Structure formats: structure tokens, C-alpha cells
Amino acid sequence: GLTVRKGKGKNPHPLLFIKRGTKMPVGIALVDRERKDPVATFPVKTTVARINAKYSDTHALIGLKITGITQESETLLNQFIHEAQIEELKRLSKKG
């Protein structure tokens, strides 16, 4: 999903007016905080699945459903998630 700053007064963020079901392209950047550059970047097609305008006092949350992703990008995303889970398990096992 996307967190969107609500803005104040006369300058609300344009994405606050998006409707559920709206199709929109989104760019994904897979970021490892320990590396200078993103691990990968790629476009995906999405549809707005939900909108939570009360997410916080300052931000709304727009939930997205990925409706179009290349096989190569899906593989990169799955590998990135898998590696992040492994790192988190390592981190948690050191705490115990």
C-alpha cells in the first residue's frame, strides 16, 4: 500500500481523492538499508483495493492489489522478501 500525507488546508494530496477500483501504474523499489542503491526497481500495474483516510492524523493509507507484474519482477520480489525474512529470523535468534 501507499501512505499518503493528508496535507493541510487548501493543498490536500491529489491521491486522497482516488476511488476504490481505480487502476494505476506504480513503481516498486526494493531497498536494502545497508546498500547505497536499490536492489531492484520495476513497474507494476495495480488497482486501488481499499482506502483508510483515518490511518493516522497526518496520513491516509491506500491499499493496492497488484494486477500486473512480469515473471522476472515477481521472482525478484519473492527473492527479496525471502532474504528479508531470513535476515529477520537471524536478528530475532540473536536476541533470544
C-alpha atoms as a PDB file:
ATOM      1  CA  GLY A   1       0.000   0.000   0.000  1.00  0.00           C
ATOM      2  CA  LEU A   2       0.843   3.654  -0.059  1.00  0.00           C
ATOM      3  CA  THR A   3       0.868   6.064   2.841  1.00  0.00           C
ATOM      4  CA  VAL A   4      -0.218   9.486   1.647  1.00  0.00           C
ATOM      5  CA  ARG A   5       0.349  12.685   3.590  1.00  0.00           C
ATOM      6  CA  LYS A   6      -3.014  14.349   4.037  1.00  0.00           C
ATOM      7  CA  GLY A   7      -1.746  17.888   3.615  1.00  0.00           C
ATOM      8  CA  LYS A   8      -3.361  20.868   5.219  1.00  0.00           C
ATOM      9  CA  GLY A   9      -5.856  23.496   4.215  1.00  0.00           C
ATOM     10  CA  LYS A  10      -6.027  24.223   0.522  1.00  0.00           C
ATOM     11  CA  ASN A  11      -3.342  21.702  -0.504  1.00  0.00           C
ATOM     12  CA  PRO A  12      -4.648  18.167   0.104  1.00  0.00           C
ATOM     13  CA  HIS A  13      -2.694  15.429  -1.666  1.00  0.00           C
ATOM     14  CA  PRO A  14      -4.381  14.556  -5.008  1.00  0.00           C
ATOM     15  CA  LEU A  15      -4.265  10.817  -4.208  1.00  0.00           C
ATOM     16  CA  LEU A  16      -6.690  11.454  -1.341  1.00  0.00           C
ATOM     17  CA  PHE A  17      -9.429  11.760  -3.976  1.00  0.00           C
ATOM     18  CA  ILE A  18      -8.731   8.450  -5.709  1.00  0.00           C
ATOM     19  CA  LYS A  19     -11.589   5.949  -5.794  1.00  0.00           C
ATOM     20  CA  ARG A  20     -11.616   2.237  -4.960  1.00  0.00           C
ATOM     21  CA  GLY A  21     -11.223   0.207  -8.149  1.00  0.00           C
ATOM     22  CA  THR A  22      -9.036   2.815  -9.864  1.00  0.00           C
ATOM     23  CA  LYS A  23      -6.268   1.256 -11.929  1.00  0.00           C
ATOM     24  CA  MET A  24      -2.844   2.866 -11.642  1.00  0.00           C
ATOM     25  CA  PRO A  25       0.747   2.092 -12.527  1.00  0.00           C
ATOM     26  CA  VAL A  26       3.222   2.059  -9.640  1.00  0.00           C
ATOM     27  CA  GLY A  27       6.980   1.780  -9.496  1.00  0.00           C
ATOM     28  CA  ILE A  28       8.470  -0.512  -6.862  1.00  0.00           C
ATOM     29  CA  ALA A  29      11.955  -0.011  -5.453  1.00  0.00           C
ATOM     30  CA  LEU A  30      13.351  -2.852  -3.348  1.00  0.00           C
ATOM     31  CA  VAL A  31      15.622  -1.190  -0.806  1.00  0.00           C
ATOM     32  CA  ASP A  32      18.185  -2.762   1.489  1.00  0.00           C
ATOM     33  CA  ARG A  33      19.148  -0.176   4.116  1.00  0.00           C
ATOM     34  CA  GLU A  34      22.715  -1.454   4.083  1.00  0.00           C
ATOM     35  CA  ARG A  35      23.203  -0.811   0.372  1.00  0.00           C
ATOM     36  CA  LYS A  36      23.553   2.524  -1.358  1.00  0.00           C
ATOM     37  CA  ASP A  37      21.410   1.692  -4.397  1.00  0.00           C
ATOM     38  CA  PRO A  38      18.101  -0.190  -4.619  1.00  0.00           C
ATOM     39  CA  VAL A  39      18.363  -3.955  -5.054  1.00  0.00           C
ATOM     40  CA  ALA A  40      15.893  -3.661  -7.935  1.00  0.00           C
ATOM     41  CA  THR A  41      13.250  -1.361  -9.393  1.00  0.00           C
ATOM     42  CA  PHE A  42      10.357  -2.296 -11.658  1.00  0.00           C
ATOM     43  CA  PRO A  43       6.865  -1.181 -12.682  1.00  0.00           C
ATOM     44  CA  VAL A  44       3.663  -2.990 -11.732  1.00  0.00           C
ATOM     45  CA  LYS A  45       0.003  -2.480 -12.573  1.00  0.00           C
ATOM     46  CA  THR A  46      -2.248  -2.040  -9.545  1.00  0.00           C
ATOM     47  CA  THR A  47      -5.860  -1.468  -8.597  1.00  0.00           C
ATOM     48  CA  VAL A  48      -6.913   0.521  -5.527  1.00  0.00           C
ATOM     49  CA  ALA A  49      -8.364  -2.101  -3.180  1.00  0.00           C
ATOM     50  CA  ARG A  50      -9.086  -0.019  -0.078  1.00  0.00           C
ATOM     51  CA  ILE A  51      -8.678   3.477   1.320  1.00  0.00           C
ATOM     52  CA  ASN A  52      -8.247   4.240   5.008  1.00  0.00           C
ATOM     53  CA  ALA A  53      -8.488   8.007   5.391  1.00  0.00           C
ATOM     54  CA  LYS A  54      -8.229   7.630   9.191  1.00  0.00           C
ATOM     55  CA  TYR A  55      -4.946   5.683   9.121  1.00  0.00           C
ATOM     56  CA  SER A  56      -3.350   8.410  11.262  1.00  0.00           C
ATOM     57  CA  ASP A  57      -3.779  12.100  11.991  1.00  0.00           C
ATOM     58  CA  THR A  58      -1.345  13.013   9.228  1.00  0.00           C
ATOM     59  CA  HIS A  59      -1.599  10.171   6.681  1.00  0.00           C
ATOM     60  CA  ALA A  60      -4.117   8.076   4.774  1.00  0.00           C
ATOM     61  CA  LEU A  61      -3.421   4.522   3.641  1.00  0.00           C
ATOM     62  CA  ILE A  62      -4.232   3.372   0.117  1.00  0.00           C
ATOM     63  CA  GLY A  63      -4.242  -0.405  -0.197  1.00  0.00           C
ATOM     64  CA  LEU A  64      -3.208  -1.671  -3.626  1.00  0.00           C
ATOM     65  CA  LYS A  65      -3.706  -5.003  -5.342  1.00  0.00           C
ATOM     66  CA  ILE A  66      -1.007  -5.925  -7.865  1.00  0.00           C
ATOM     67  CA  THR A  67      -2.767  -6.889 -11.071  1.00  0.00           C
ATOM     68  CA  GLY A  68       0.171  -6.979 -13.454  1.00  0.00           C
ATOM     69  CA  ILE A  69       3.788  -7.939 -12.836  1.00  0.00           C
ATOM     70  CA  THR A  70       6.310  -9.631 -15.085  1.00  0.00           C
ATOM     71  CA  GLN A  71       7.583 -13.086 -14.177  1.00  0.00           C
ATOM     72  CA  GLU A  72      11.096 -11.638 -13.777  1.00  0.00           C
ATOM     73  CA  SER A  73       9.889  -8.883 -11.419  1.00  0.00           C
ATOM     74  CA  GLU A  74       7.800 -11.341  -9.410  1.00  0.00           C
ATOM     75  CA  THR A  75      10.868 -13.545  -8.981  1.00  0.00           C
ATOM     76  CA  LEU A  76      12.931 -10.540  -7.798  1.00  0.00           C
ATOM     77  CA  LEU A  77      10.199  -9.548  -5.340  1.00  0.00           C
ATOM     78  CA  ASN A  78       9.828 -13.075  -3.958  1.00  0.00           C
ATOM     79  CA  GLN A  79      13.598 -13.446  -3.544  1.00  0.00           C
ATOM     80  CA  PHE A  80      13.824 -10.055  -1.818  1.00  0.00           C
ATOM     81  CA  ILE A  81      11.028 -10.965   0.620  1.00  0.00           C
ATOM     82  CA  HIS A  82      12.588 -14.370   1.297  1.00  0.00           C
ATOM     83  CA  GLU A  83      16.002 -12.852   2.052  1.00  0.00           C
ATOM     84  CA  ALA A  84      14.426 -10.216   4.315  1.00  0.00           C
ATOM     85  CA  GLN A  85      12.604 -12.933   6.257  1.00  0.00           C
ATOM     86  CA  ILE A  86      15.852 -14.895   6.703  1.00  0.00           C
ATOM     87  CA  GLU A  87      17.630 -11.769   7.983  1.00  0.00           C
ATOM     88  CA  GLU A  88      14.789 -11.043  10.412  1.00  0.00           C
ATOM     89  CA  LEU A  89      14.921 -14.603  11.761  1.00  0.00           C
ATOM     90  CA  LYS A  90      18.679 -14.271  12.245  1.00  0.00           C
ATOM     91  CA  ARG A  91      18.171 -10.993  14.079  1.00  0.00           C
ATOM     92  CA  LEU A  92      15.483 -12.452  16.317  1.00  0.00           C
ATOM     93  CA  SER A  93      17.524 -15.561  17.130  1.00  0.00           C
ATOM     94  CA  LYS A  94      20.394 -13.356  18.400  1.00  0.00           C
ATOM     95  CA  LYS A  95      18.024 -11.591  20.810  1.00  0.00           C
ATOM     96  CA  GLY A  96      16.820 -14.837  22.445  1.00  0.00           C
END
